[in-house]
C-alpha cells in the first residue's frame, strides 16, 4: 500500500516521472482540479524564487483518471470556502 505521507517525502515517487506541466492548473485530460487527485507530491527540495522573493514549488498530482500532471504552487487557484462541497 502507498504511504499516505508521500506528499512530504524528500524524494520524488516513481509515479511522478512522466508528469506533464498542466496550464491552466488542473488535469489536462479530464479537467479535474487538484482536490480530486488520488496522489500528491510536493517538490519542496527545489523551490523557485519569484521577482518579489516569494517561493513557489512544483506540485505533482495523479488524477482520478490516472493522468499525472504538475503545476506551480503559485498557479493553484484559491480555495473557495463559501461554496458547498461537490461531495455533499
Protein backbone atom coordinates (compact mmCIF):
# COMPACT_ATOMS: atom_id res chain seq x y z
CA UNK A 1 0.00 0.00 0.00
CA UNK A 2 1.22 3.53 -0.77
CA UNK A 3 2.50 5.70 2.04
CA UNK A 4 -0.20 8.30 2.84
CA UNK A 5 2.52 10.86 3.71
CA UNK A 6 4.15 10.55 0.30
CA UNK A 7 3.28 14.21 -0.36
CA UNK A 8 6.03 15.33 2.00
CA UNK A 9 8.71 12.80 1.08
CA UNK A 10 12.03 14.46 0.17
CA UNK A 11 12.35 12.11 -2.81
CA UNK A 12 10.06 12.03 -5.84
CA UNK A 13 7.83 8.96 -6.07
CA UNK A 14 8.18 6.90 -9.23
CA UNK A 15 4.68 7.84 -10.42
CA UNK A 16 5.83 11.47 -10.94
CA UNK A 17 8.39 10.55 -13.63
CA UNK A 18 6.14 11.19 -16.66
CA UNK A 19 4.14 14.12 -15.32
CA UNK A 20 3.13 16.84 -17.77
CA UNK A 21 3.05 20.53 -16.92
CA UNK A 22 -0.61 21.49 -16.83
CA UNK A 23 -1.61 25.01 -17.82
CA UNK A 24 -4.13 26.09 -16.64
CA UNK A 25 -3.80 24.41 -13.24
CA UNK A 26 -5.76 21.15 -13.37
CA UNK A 27 -5.77 17.80 -15.09
CA UNK A 28 -5.02 18.32 -18.79
CA UNK A 29 -7.10 15.26 -19.75
CA UNK A 30 -10.33 15.46 -17.76
CA UNK A 31 -10.13 18.97 -16.27
CA UNK A 32 -10.40 17.85 -12.63
CA UNK A 33 -8.81 20.10 -10.03
CA UNK A 34 -6.09 19.18 -7.57
CA UNK A 35 -8.63 18.30 -4.87
CA UNK A 36 -9.73 15.30 -6.96
CA UNK A 37 -6.20 13.84 -7.09
CA UNK A 38 -5.57 10.34 -5.79
CA UNK A 39 -1.88 11.03 -5.10
CA UNK A 40 0.07 14.21 -4.40
CA UNK A 41 3.77 15.02 -4.09
CA UNK A 42 5.23 18.46 -3.35
CA UNK A 43 8.76 19.15 -4.61
CA UNK A 44 9.89 21.11 -1.58
CA UNK A 45 13.59 20.46 -2.21
CA UNK A 46 13.77 22.77 -5.22
CA UNK A 47 11.81 25.99 -4.70
CA UNK A 48 11.90 28.69 -7.33
CA UNK A 49 12.02 32.32 -6.23
CA UNK A 50 9.88 34.93 -7.97
CA UNK A 51 10.84 38.55 -8.63
CA UNK A 52 9.44 39.51 -5.23
CA UNK A 53 11.43 36.82 -3.36
CA UNK A 54 8.38 34.63 -2.88
CA UNK A 55 8.84 30.88 -3.16
CA UNK A 56 6.89 28.63 -5.46
CA UNK A 57 7.05 24.86 -5.67
CA UNK A 58 6.19 22.16 -8.17
CA UNK A 59 3.10 20.23 -7.08
CA UNK A 60 2.59 16.81 -8.67
CA UNK A 61 -0.81 15.14 -8.89
CA UNK A 62 -2.13 11.79 -10.06
CA UNK A 63 -5.69 12.45 -11.12
CA UNK A 64 -8.60 10.09 -10.59
CA UNK A 65 -8.41 9.48 -14.39
CA UNK A 66 -4.76 8.32 -13.81
CA UNK A 67 -3.18 11.26 -15.66
CA UNK A 68 -0.09 12.56 -13.86
CA UNK A 69 0.43 16.30 -14.07
CA UNK A 70 2.20 19.10 -12.25
CA UNK A 71 1.74 22.81 -11.74
CA UNK A 72 3.36 25.64 -9.83
CA UNK A 73 2.02 26.29 -6.35
CA UNK A 74 1.61 29.94 -7.34
CA UNK A 75 -0.79 28.91 -10.15
CA UNK A 76 -3.13 26.94 -7.88
CA UNK A 77 -6.45 28.78 -7.67
CA UNK A 78 -7.56 29.90 -4.20
CA UNK A 79 -9.79 27.56 -2.25
CA UNK A 80 -13.36 28.81 -2.21
CA UNK A 81 -14.60 28.01 1.28
CA UNK A 82 -18.01 29.61 0.86
CA UNK A 83 -19.09 27.17 -1.88
CA UNK A 84 -20.84 23.93 -0.94
CA UNK A 85 -18.68 20.85 -1.42
CA UNK A 86 -19.19 18.82 -4.60
CA UNK A 87 -19.33 15.70 -2.43
CA UNK A 88 -22.38 16.86 -0.43
